[in-house]
């Protein structure tokens, strides 16, 4: 029970406060398996 509560709070907390250090990092993951197979050197 405590684990679920802590996990939920942690996700919300990190999501809210990640903006102060990392912004829109999901746009840096990359697309296309062909490019990702080459470590994004495309």
ModelCIF file with pLDDT and N, C-alpha, C, O atoms, coordinates in Angstrom:
data_MODEL
#
_entry.id   MODEL 
#
_entity.id                         1 
_entity.type                       polymer 
_entity.pdbx_number_of_molecules   1 
#
_entity_poly.entity_id                      1 
_entity_poly.type                           'polypeptide(L)' 
_entity_poly.nstd_linkage                   no 
_entity_poly.nstd_monomer                   no 
_entity_poly.pdbx_seq_one_letter_code       
;(UNK)(UNK)(UNK)(UNK)(UNK)(UNK)(UNK)(UNK)(UNK)(UNK)(UNK)(UNK)(UNK)(UNK)(UNK)(UNK)
(UNK)(UNK)(UNK)(UNK)(UNK)(UNK)(UNK)(UNK)(UNK)(UNK)(UNK)(UNK)(UNK)(UNK)(UNK)(UNK)
(UNK)(UNK)(UNK)(UNK)(UNK)(UNK)(UNK)(UNK)(UNK)(UNK)
;
_entity_poly.pdbx_seq_one_letter_code_can   XXXXXXXXXXXXXXXXXXXXXXXXXXXXXXXXXXXXXXXXXX 
_entity_poly.pdbx_strand_id                 A 
#
loop_
_entity_poly_seq.entity_id 
_entity_poly_seq.num 
_entity_poly_seq.mon_id 
_entity_poly_seq.hetero 
1 1  UNK n 
1 2  UNK n 
1 3  UNK n 
1 4  UNK n 
1 5  UNK n 
1 6  UNK n 
1 7  UNK n 
1 8  UNK n 
1 9  UNK n 
1 10 UNK n 
1 11 UNK n 
1 12 UNK n 
1 13 UNK n 
1 14 UNK n 
1 15 UNK n 
1 16 UNK n 
1 17 UNK n 
1 18 UNK n 
1 19 UNK n 
1 20 UNK n 
1 21 UNK n 
1 22 UNK n 
1 23 UNK n 
1 24 UNK n 
1 25 UNK n 
1 26 UNK n 
1 27 UNK n 
1 28 UNK n 
1 29 UNK n 
1 30 UNK n 
1 31 UNK n 
1 32 UNK n 
1 33 UNK n 
1 34 UNK n 
1 35 UNK n 
1 36 UNK n 
1 37 UNK n 
1 38 UNK n 
1 39 UNK n 
1 40 UNK n 
1 41 UNK n 
1 42 UNK n 
#
_struct_asym.id          A 
_struct_asym.entity_id   1 
#
loop_
_ma_qa_metric.id 
_ma_qa_metric.mode 
_ma_qa_metric.name 
_ma_qa_metric.software_group_id 
_ma_qa_metric.type 
1 global pLDDT . pLDDT 
2 local  pLDDT . pLDDT 
#
_ma_qa_metric_global.metric_id      1 
_ma_qa_metric_global.metric_value   67.05 
_ma_qa_metric_global.model_id       1 
_ma_qa_metric_global.ordinal_id     1 
#
loop_
_ma_qa_metric_local.label_asym_id 
_ma_qa_metric_local.label_comp_id 
_ma_qa_metric_local.label_seq_id 
_ma_qa_metric_local.metric_id 
_ma_qa_metric_local.metric_value 
_ma_qa_metric_local.model_id 
_ma_qa_metric_local.ordinal_id 
A UNK 1  2 41.00 1 1  
A UNK 2  2 42.00 1 2  
A UNK 3  2 39.00 1 3  
A UNK 4  2 41.00 1 4  
A UNK 5  2 42.00 1 5  
A UNK 6  2 43.00 1 6  
A UNK 7  2 42.00 1 7  
A UNK 8  2 44.00 1 8  
A UNK 9  2 44.00 1 9  
A UNK 10 2 47.00 1 10 
A UNK 11 2 46.00 1 11 
A UNK 12 2 47.00 1 12 
A UNK 13 2 48.00 1 13 
A UNK 14 2 45.00 1 14 
A UNK 15 2 48.00 1 15 
A UNK 16 2 47.00 1 16 
A UNK 17 2 47.00 1 17 
A UNK 18 2 45.00 1 18 
A UNK 19 2 44.00 1 19 
A UNK 20 2 43.00 1 20 
A UNK 21 2 47.00 1 21 
A UNK 22 2 55.00 1 22 
A UNK 23 2 74.00 1 23 
A UNK 24 2 84.00 1 24 
A UNK 25 2 86.00 1 25 
A UNK 26 2 88.00 1 26 
A UNK 27 2 91.00 1 27 
A UNK 28 2 89.00 1 28 
A UNK 29 2 88.00 1 29 
A UNK 30 2 91.00 1 30 
A UNK 31 2 94.00 1 31 
A UNK 32 2 95.00 1 32 
A UNK 33 2 94.00 1 33 
A UNK 34 2 96.00 1 34 
A UNK 35 2 96.00 1 35 
A UNK 36 2 93.00 1 36 
A UNK 37 2 94.00 1 37 
A UNK 38 2 96.00 1 38 
A UNK 39 2 93.00 1 39 
A UNK 40 2 94.00 1 40 
A UNK 41 2 96.00 1 41 
A UNK 42 2 97.00 1 42 
#
loop_
_atom_site.group_PDB 
_atom_site.id 
_atom_site.type_symbol 
_atom_site.label_atom_id 
_atom_site.label_alt_id 
_atom_site.label_comp_id 
_atom_site.label_asym_id 
_atom_site.label_entity_id 
_atom_site.label_seq_id 
_atom_site.pdbx_PDB_ins_code 
_atom_site.Cartn_x 
_atom_site.Cartn_y 
_atom_site.Cartn_z 
_atom_site.occupancy 
_atom_site.B_iso_or_equiv 
_atom_site.pdbx_formal_charge 
_atom_site.auth_seq_id 
_atom_site.auth_comp_id 
_atom_site.auth_asym_id 
_atom_site.auth_atom_id 
_atom_site.pdbx_PDB_model_num 
ATOM 1   N N  . UNK A 1 1  ? 0.821  -1.192 0.000   1.00 41.00 ? 1  UNK A N  1 
ATOM 2   C CA . UNK A 1 1  ? 0.000  0.000  0.000   1.00 41.00 ? 1  UNK A CA 1 
ATOM 3   C C  . UNK A 1 1  ? 0.864  1.254  0.000   1.00 41.00 ? 1  UNK A C  1 
ATOM 4   O O  . UNK A 1 1  ? 0.643  2.170  -0.792  1.00 41.00 ? 1  UNK A O  1 
ATOM 5   N N  . UNK A 1 2  ? 1.850  1.290  0.895   1.00 42.00 ? 2  UNK A N  1 
ATOM 6   C CA . UNK A 1 2  ? 2.752  2.426  0.942   1.00 42.00 ? 2  UNK A CA 1 
ATOM 7   C C  . UNK A 1 2  ? 3.540  2.565  -0.352  1.00 42.00 ? 2  UNK A C  1 
ATOM 8   O O  . UNK A 1 2  ? 3.813  3.671  -0.817  1.00 42.00 ? 2  UNK A O  1 
ATOM 9   N N  . UNK A 1 3  ? 3.901  1.413  -0.927  1.00 39.00 ? 3  UNK A N  1 
ATOM 10  C CA . UNK A 1 3  ? 4.663  1.435  -2.170  1.00 39.00 ? 3  UNK A CA 1 
ATOM 11  C C  . UNK A 1 3  ? 3.860  2.080  -3.284  1.00 39.00 ? 3  UNK A C  1 
ATOM 12  O O  . UNK A 1 3  ? 4.402  2.871  -4.056  1.00 39.00 ? 3  UNK A O  1 
ATOM 13  N N  . UNK A 1 4  ? 2.554  1.751  -3.383  1.00 41.00 ? 4  UNK A N  1 
ATOM 14  C CA . UNK A 1 4  ? 1.715  2.345  -4.418  1.00 41.00 ? 4  UNK A CA 1 
ATOM 15  C C  . UNK A 1 4  ? 1.588  3.843  -4.214  1.00 41.00 ? 4  UNK A C  1 
ATOM 16  O O  . UNK A 1 4  ? 1.671  4.618  -5.167  1.00 41.00 ? 4  UNK A O  1 
ATOM 17  N N  . UNK A 1 5  ? 1.385  4.245  -2.969  1.00 42.00 ? 5  UNK A N  1 
ATOM 18  C CA . UNK A 1 5  ? 1.259  5.659  -2.669  1.00 42.00 ? 5  UNK A CA 1 
ATOM 19  C C  . UNK A 1 5  ? 2.530  6.408  -3.021  1.00 42.00 ? 5  UNK A C  1 
ATOM 20  O O  . UNK A 1 5  ? 2.482  7.471  -3.640  1.00 42.00 ? 5  UNK A O  1 
ATOM 21  N N  . UNK A 1 6  ? 3.667  5.853  -2.626  1.00 43.00 ? 6  UNK A N  1 
ATOM 22  C CA . UNK A 1 6  ? 4.949  6.502  -2.913  1.00 43.00 ? 6  UNK A CA 1 
ATOM 23  C C  . UNK A 1 6  ? 5.208  6.581  -4.405  1.00 43.00 ? 6  UNK A C  1 
ATOM 24  O O  . UNK A 1 6  ? 5.711  7.591  -4.897  1.00 43.00 ? 6  UNK A O  1 
ATOM 25  N N  . UNK A 1 7  ? 4.859  5.496  -5.149  1.00 42.00 ? 7  UNK A N  1 
ATOM 26  C CA . UNK A 1 7  ? 5.086  5.483  -6.581  1.00 42.00 ? 7  UNK A CA 1 
ATOM 27  C C  . UNK A 1 7  ? 4.261  6.549  -7.270  1.00 42.00 ? 7  UNK A C  1 
ATOM 28  O O  . UNK A 1 7  ? 4.771  7.274  -8.125  1.00 42.00 ? 7  UNK A O  1 
ATOM 29  N N  . UNK A 1 8  ? 2.984  6.655  -6.908  1.00 44.00 ? 8  UNK A N  1 
ATOM 30  C CA . UNK A 1 8  ? 2.121  7.655  -7.533  1.00 44.00 ? 8  UNK A CA 1 
ATOM 31  C C  . UNK A 1 8  ? 2.626  9.062  -7.263  1.00 44.00 ? 8  UNK A C  1 
ATOM 32  O O  . UNK A 1 8  ? 2.687  9.892  -8.170  1.00 44.00 ? 8  UNK A O  1 
ATOM 33  N N  . UNK A 1 9  ? 2.987  9.330  -6.014  1.00 44.00 ? 9  UNK A N  1 
ATOM 34  C CA . UNK A 1 9  ? 3.482  10.656 -5.663  1.00 44.00 ? 9  UNK A CA 1 
ATOM 35  C C  . UNK A 1 9  ? 4.793  10.968 -6.364  1.00 44.00 ? 9  UNK A C  1 
ATOM 36  O O  . UNK A 1 9  ? 5.024  12.099 -6.792  1.00 44.00 ? 9  UNK A O  1 
ATOM 37  N N  . UNK A 1 10 ? 5.649  9.962  -6.480  1.00 47.00 ? 10 UNK A N  1 
ATOM 38  C CA . UNK A 1 10 ? 6.940  10.166 -7.141  1.00 47.00 ? 10 UNK A CA 1 
ATOM 39  C C  . UNK A 1 10 ? 6.752  10.522 -8.607  1.00 47.00 ? 10 UNK A C  1 
ATOM 40  O O  . UNK A 1 10 ? 7.407  11.437 -9.106  1.00 47.00 ? 10 UNK A O  1 
ATOM 41  N N  . UNK A 1 11 ? 5.864  9.811  -9.312  1.00 46.00 ? 11 UNK A N  1 
ATOM 42  C CA . UNK A 1 11 ? 5.636  10.096 -10.725 1.00 46.00 ? 11 UNK A CA 1 
ATOM 43  C C  . UNK A 1 11 ? 5.122  11.508 -10.916 1.00 46.00 ? 11 UNK A C  1 
ATOM 44  O O  . UNK A 1 11 ? 5.602  12.238 -11.783 1.00 46.00 ? 11 UNK A O  1 
ATOM 45  N N  . UNK A 1 12 ? 4.135  11.899 -10.097 1.00 47.00 ? 12 UNK A N  1 
ATOM 46  C CA . UNK A 1 12 ? 3.591  13.247 -10.207 1.00 47.00 ? 12 UNK A CA 1 
ATOM 47  C C  . UNK A 1 12 ? 4.644  14.286 -9.885  1.00 47.00 ? 12 UNK A C  1 
ATOM 48  O O  . UNK A 1 12 ? 4.775  15.286 -10.591 1.00 47.00 ? 12 UNK A O  1 
ATOM 49  N N  . UNK A 1 13 ? 5.399  14.052 -8.816  1.00 48.00 ? 13 UNK A N  1 
ATOM 50  C CA . UNK A 1 13 ? 6.427  15.001 -8.404  1.00 48.00 ? 13 UNK A CA 1 
ATOM 51  C C  . UNK A 1 13 ? 7.485  15.182 -9.472  1.00 48.00 ? 13 UNK A C  1 
ATOM 52  O O  . UNK A 1 13 ? 7.847  16.312 -9.801  1.00 48.00 ? 13 UNK A O  1 
ATOM 53  N N  . UNK A 1 14 ? 7.987  14.081 -10.020 1.00 45.00 ? 14 UNK A N  1 
ATOM 54  C CA . UNK A 1 14 ? 9.012  14.169 -11.051 1.00 45.00 ? 14 UNK A CA 1 
ATOM 55  C C  . UNK A 1 14 ? 8.480  14.840 -12.299 1.00 45.00 ? 14 UNK A C  1 
ATOM 56  O O  . UNK A 1 14 ? 9.186  15.626 -12.930 1.00 45.00 ? 14 UNK A O  1 
ATOM 57  N N  . UNK A 1 15 ? 7.241  14.542 -12.664 1.00 48.00 ? 15 UNK A N  1 
ATOM 58  C CA . UNK A 1 15 ? 6.655  15.142 -13.860 1.00 48.00 ? 15 UNK A CA 1 
ATOM 59  C C  . UNK A 1 15 ? 6.511  16.642 -13.693 1.00 48.00 ? 15 UNK A C  1 
ATOM 60  O O  . UNK A 1 15 ? 6.785  17.404 -14.620 1.00 48.00 ? 15 UNK A O  1 
ATOM 61  N N  . UNK A 1 16 ? 6.079  17.070 -12.506 1.00 47.00 ? 16 UNK A N  1 
ATOM 62  C CA . UNK A 1 16 ? 5.868  18.485 -12.288 1.00 47.00 ? 16 UNK A CA 1 
ATOM 63  C C  . UNK A 1 16 ? 7.175  19.261 -12.220 1.00 47.00 ? 16 UNK A C  1 
ATOM 64  O O  . UNK A 1 16 ? 7.279  20.375 -12.734 1.00 47.00 ? 16 UNK A O  1 
ATOM 65  N N  . UNK A 1 17 ? 8.164  18.662 -11.584 1.00 47.00 ? 17 UNK A N  1 
ATOM 66  C CA . UNK A 1 17 ? 9.375  19.421 -11.326 1.00 47.00 ? 17 UNK A CA 1 
ATOM 67  C C  . UNK A 1 17 ? 10.496 19.150 -12.310 1.00 47.00 ? 17 UNK A C  1 
ATOM 68  O O  . UNK A 1 17 ? 11.533 19.809 -12.252 1.00 47.00 ? 17 UNK A O  1 
ATOM 69  N N  . UNK A 1 18 ? 10.313 18.192 -13.217 1.00 45.00 ? 18 UNK A N  1 
ATOM 70  C CA . UNK A 1 18 ? 11.367 17.928 -14.194 1.00 45.00 ? 18 UNK A CA 1 
ATOM 71  C C  . UNK A 1 18 ? 11.553 19.113 -15.114 1.00 45.00 ? 18 UNK A C  1 
ATOM 72  O O  . UNK A 1 18 ? 12.607 19.259 -15.733 1.00 45.00 ? 18 UNK A O  1 
ATOM 73  N N  . UNK A 1 19 ? 10.533 19.968 -15.214 1.00 44.00 ? 19 UNK A N  1 
ATOM 74  C CA . UNK A 1 19 ? 10.637 21.101 -16.110 1.00 44.00 ? 19 UNK A CA 1 
ATOM 75  C C  . UNK A 1 19 ? 11.721 22.086 -15.676 1.00 44.00 ? 19 UNK A C  1 
ATOM 76  O O  . UNK A 1 19 ? 12.210 22.853 -16.505 1.00 44.00 ? 19 UNK A O  1 
ATOM 77  N N  . UNK A 1 20 ? 12.111 22.085 -14.399 1.00 43.00 ? 20 UNK A N  1 
ATOM 78  C CA . UNK A 1 20 ? 13.104 23.035 -13.947 1.00 43.00 ? 20 UNK A CA 1 
ATOM 79  C C  . UNK A 1 20 ? 14.508 22.656 -14.411 1.00 43.00 ? 20 UNK A C  1 
ATOM 80  O O  . UNK A 1 20 ? 15.425 23.475 -14.351 1.00 43.00 ? 20 UNK A O  1 
ATOM 81  N N  . UNK A 1 21 ? 14.679 21.413 -14.875 1.00 47.00 ? 21 UNK A N  1 
ATOM 82  C CA . UNK A 1 21 ? 16.004 20.990 -15.299 1.00 47.00 ? 21 UNK A CA 1 
ATOM 83  C C  . UNK A 1 21 ? 15.996 20.408 -16.709 1.00 47.00 ? 21 UNK A C  1 
ATOM 84  O O  . UNK A 1 21 ? 16.899 20.691 -17.496 1.00 47.00 ? 21 UNK A O  1 
ATOM 85  N N  . UNK A 1 22 ? 14.995 19.602 -17.035 1.00 55.00 ? 22 UNK A N  1 
ATOM 86  C CA . UNK A 1 22 ? 14.903 18.978 -18.349 1.00 55.00 ? 22 UNK A CA 1 
ATOM 87  C C  . UNK A 1 22 ? 13.600 19.412 -19.004 1.00 55.00 ? 22 UNK A C  1 
ATOM 88  O O  . UNK A 1 22 ? 12.526 19.276 -18.417 1.00 55.00 ? 22 UNK A O  1 
ATOM 89  N N  . UNK A 1 23 ? 13.695 19.925 -20.202 1.00 74.00 ? 23 UNK A N  1 
ATOM 90  C CA . UNK A 1 23 ? 12.523 20.434 -20.885 1.00 74.00 ? 23 UNK A CA 1 
ATOM 91  C C  . UNK A 1 23 ? 12.314 19.685 -22.188 1.00 74.00 ? 23 UNK A C  1 
ATOM 92  O O  . UNK A 1 23 ? 13.213 19.623 -23.026 1.00 74.00 ? 23 UNK A O  1 
ATOM 93  N N  . UNK A 1 24 ? 11.128 19.117 -22.359 1.00 84.00 ? 24 UNK A N  1 
ATOM 94  C CA . UNK A 1 24 ? 10.761 18.433 -23.606 1.00 84.00 ? 24 UNK A CA 1 
ATOM 95  C C  . UNK A 1 24 ? 11.762 17.357 -24.000 1.00 84.00 ? 24 UNK A C  1 
ATOM 96  O O  . UNK A 1 24 ? 12.055 17.184 -25.183 1.00 84.00 ? 24 UNK A O  1 
ATOM 97  N N  . UNK A 1 25 ? 12.283 16.640 -23.025 1.00 86.00 ? 25 UNK A N  1 
ATOM 98  C CA . UNK A 1 25 ? 13.282 15.613 -23.321 1.00 86.00 ? 25 UNK A CA 1 
ATOM 99  C C  . UNK A 1 25 ? 12.718 14.472 -24.168 1.00 86.00 ? 25 UNK A C  1 
ATOM 100 O O  . UNK A 1 25 ? 13.480 13.770 -24.833 1.00 86.00 ? 25 UNK A O  1 
ATOM 101 N N  . UNK A 1 26 ? 11.413 14.277 -24.155 1.00 88.00 ? 26 UNK A N  1 
ATOM 102 C CA . UNK A 1 26 ? 10.838 13.203 -24.958 1.00 88.00 ? 26 UNK A CA 1 
ATOM 103 C C  . UNK A 1 26 ? 11.076 13.426 -26.444 1.00 88.00 ? 26 UNK A C  1 
ATOM 104 O O  . UNK A 1 26 ? 11.064 12.470 -27.221 1.00 88.00 ? 26 UNK A O  1 
ATOM 105 N N  . UNK A 1 27 ? 11.292 14.673 -26.852 1.00 91.00 ? 27 UNK A N  1 
ATOM 106 C CA . UNK A 1 27 ? 11.561 14.971 -28.260 1.00 91.00 ? 27 UNK A CA 1 
ATOM 107 C C  . UNK A 1 27 ? 12.987 14.625 -28.664 1.00 91.00 ? 27 UNK A C  1 
ATOM 108 O O  . UNK A 1 27 ? 13.334 14.733 -29.840 1.00 91.00 ? 27 UNK A O  1 
ATOM 109 N N  . UNK A 1 28 ? 13.820 14.211 -27.711 1.00 89.00 ? 28 UNK A N  1 
ATOM 110 C CA . UNK A 1 28 ? 15.203 13.844 -28.015 1.00 89.00 ? 28 UNK A CA 1 
ATOM 111 C C  . UNK A 1 28 ? 15.408 12.338 -28.090 1.00 89.00 ? 28 UNK A C  1 
ATOM 112 O O  . UNK A 1 28 ? 16.524 11.889 -28.353 1.00 89.00 ? 28 UNK A O  1 
ATOM 113 N N  . UNK A 1 29 ? 14.367 11.547 -27.867 1.00 88.00 ? 29 UNK A N  1 
ATOM 114 C CA . UNK A 1 29 ? 14.524 10.087 -27.872 1.00 88.00 ? 29 UNK A CA 1 
ATOM 115 C C  . UNK A 1 29 ? 14.885 9.578  -29.253 1.00 88.00 ? 29 UNK A C  1 
ATOM 116 O O  . UNK A 1 29 ? 15.747 8.710  -29.391 1.00 88.00 ? 29 UNK A O  1 
ATOM 117 N N  . UNK A 1 30 ? 14.238 10.107 -30.271 1.00 91.00 ? 30 UNK A N  1 
ATOM 118 C CA . UNK A 1 30 ? 14.518 9.671  -31.640 1.00 91.00 ? 30 UNK A CA 1 
ATOM 119 C C  . UNK A 1 30 ? 13.381 8.861  -32.230 1.00 91.00 ? 30 UNK A C  1 
ATOM 120 O O  . UNK A 1 30 ? 12.562 8.299  -31.502 1.00 91.00 ? 30 UNK A O  1 
ATOM 121 N N  . UNK A 1 31 ? 13.335 8.804  -33.543 1.00 94.00 ? 31 UNK A N  1 
ATOM 122 C CA . UNK A 1 31 ? 12.309 8.050  -34.261 1.00 94.00 ? 31 UNK A CA 1 
ATOM 123 C C  . UNK A 1 31 ? 12.968 7.187  -35.324 1.00 94.00 ? 31 UNK A C  1 
ATOM 124 O O  . UNK A 1 31 ? 14.125 7.399  -35.688 1.00 94.00 ? 31 UNK A O  1 
ATOM 125 N N  . UNK A 1 32 ? 12.199 6.187  -35.828 1.00 95.00 ? 32 UNK A N  1 
ATOM 126 C CA . UNK A 1 32 ? 12.635 5.309  -36.911 1.00 95.00 ? 32 UNK A CA 1 
ATOM 127 C C  . UNK A 1 32 ? 13.667 4.298  -36.410 1.00 95.00 ? 32 UNK A C  1 
ATOM 128 O O  . UNK A 1 32 ? 14.777 4.665  -36.026 1.00 95.00 ? 32 UNK A O  1 
ATOM 129 N N  . UNK A 1 33 ? 13.287 3.029  -36.419 1.00 94.00 ? 33 UNK A N  1 
ATOM 130 C CA . UNK A 1 33 ? 14.178 1.965  -35.948 1.00 94.00 ? 33 UNK A CA 1 
ATOM 131 C C  . UNK A 1 33 ? 15.463 1.900  -36.765 1.00 94.00 ? 33 UNK A C  1 
ATOM 132 O O  . UNK A 1 33 ? 16.504 1.507  -36.239 1.00 94.00 ? 33 UNK A O  1 
ATOM 133 N N  . UNK A 1 34 ? 15.410 2.279  -38.044 1.00 96.00 ? 34 UNK A N  1 
ATOM 134 C CA . UNK A 1 34 ? 16.623 2.278  -38.861 1.00 96.00 ? 34 UNK A CA 1 
ATOM 135 C C  . UNK A 1 34 ? 17.641 3.269  -38.317 1.00 96.00 ? 34 UNK A C  1 
ATOM 136 O O  . UNK A 1 34 ? 18.832 2.965  -38.266 1.00 96.00 ? 34 UNK A O  1 
ATOM 137 N N  . UNK A 1 35 ? 17.188 4.444  -37.911 1.00 96.00 ? 35 UNK A N  1 
ATOM 138 C CA . UNK A 1 35 ? 18.087 5.450  -37.343 1.00 96.00 ? 35 UNK A CA 1 
ATOM 139 C C  . UNK A 1 35 ? 18.568 5.050  -35.961 1.00 96.00 ? 35 UNK A C  1 
ATOM 140 O O  . UNK A 1 35 ? 19.742 5.225  -35.636 1.00 96.00 ? 35 UNK A O  1 
ATOM 141 N N  . UNK A 1 36 ? 17.669 4.514  -35.145 1.00 93.00 ? 36 UNK A N  1 
ATOM 142 C CA . UNK A 1 36 ? 18.053 4.113  -33.794 1.00 93.00 ? 36 UNK A CA 1 
ATOM 143 C C  . UNK A 1 36 ? 19.045 2.961  -33.817 1.00 93.00 ? 36 UNK A C  1 
ATOM 144 O O  . UNK A 1 36 ? 19.890 2.856  -32.927 1.00 93.00 ? 36 UNK A O  1 
ATOM 145 N N  . UNK A 1 37 ? 18.955 2.089  -34.826 1.00 94.00 ? 37 UNK A N  1 
ATOM 146 C CA . UNK A 1 37 ? 19.921 1.005  -34.961 1.00 94.00 ? 37 UNK A CA 1 
ATOM 147 C C  . UNK A 1 37 ? 21.314 1.492  -35.275 1.00 94.00 ? 37 UNK A C  1 
ATOM 148 O O  . UNK A 1 37 ? 22.290 0.777  -35.047 1.00 94.00 ? 37 UNK A O  1 
ATOM 149 N N  . UNK A 1 38 ? 21.418 2.720  -35.803 1.00 96.00 ? 38 UNK A N  1 
ATOM 150 C CA . UNK A 1 38 ? 22.713 3.340  -36.097 1.00 96.00 ? 38 UNK A CA 1 
ATOM 151 C C  . UNK A 1 38 ? 23.082 4.382  -35.050 1.00 96.00 ? 38 UNK A C  1 
ATOM 152 O O  . UNK A 1 38 ? 23.897 5.266  -35.313 1.00 96.00 ? 38 UNK A O  1 
ATOM 153 N N  . UNK A 1 39 ? 22.493 4.284  -33.875 1.00 93.00 ? 39 UNK A N  1 
ATOM 154 C CA . UNK A 1 39 ? 22.759 5.211  -32.763 1.00 93.00 ? 39 UNK A CA 1 
ATOM 155 C C  . UNK A 1 39 ? 22.476 6.664  -33.133 1.00 93.00 ? 39 UNK A C  1 
ATOM 156 O O  . UNK A 1 39 ? 23.152 7.577  -32.659 1.00 93.00 ? 39 UNK A O  1 
ATOM 157 N N  . UNK A 1 40 ? 21.476 6.868  -33.980 1.00 94.00 ? 40 UNK A N  1 
ATOM 158 C CA . UNK A 1 40 ? 20.993 8.211  -34.344 1.00 94.00 ? 40 UNK A CA 1 
ATOM 159 C C  . UNK A 1 40 ? 21.994 9.022  -35.158 1.00 94.00 ? 40 UNK A C  1 
ATOM 160 O O  . UNK A 1 40 ? 21.846 10.239 -35.271 1.00 94.00 ? 40 UNK A O  1 
ATOM 161 N N  . UNK A 1 41 ? 23.004 8.378  -35.725 1.00 96.00 ? 41 UNK A N  1 
ATOM 162 C CA . UNK A 1 41 ? 24.003 9.107  -36.517 1.00 96.00 ? 41 UNK A CA 1 
ATOM 163 C C  . UNK A 1 41 ? 23.511 9.248  -37.961 1.00 96.00 ? 41 UNK A C  1 
ATOM 164 O O  . UNK A 1 41 ? 24.064 8.647  -38.882 1.00 96.00 ? 41 UNK A O  1 
ATOM 165 N N  . UNK A 1 42 ? 22.452 10.060 -38.137 1.00 97.00 ? 42 UNK A N  1 
ATOM 166 C CA . UNK A 1 42 ? 21.791 10.123 -39.442 1.00 97.00 ? 42 UNK A CA 1 
ATOM 167 C C  . UNK A 1 42 ? 21.496 11.546 -39.910 1.00 97.00 ? 42 UNK A C  1 
ATOM 168 O O  . UNK A 1 42 ? 20.941 11.737 -40.993 1.00 97.00 ? 42 UNK A O  1 
#
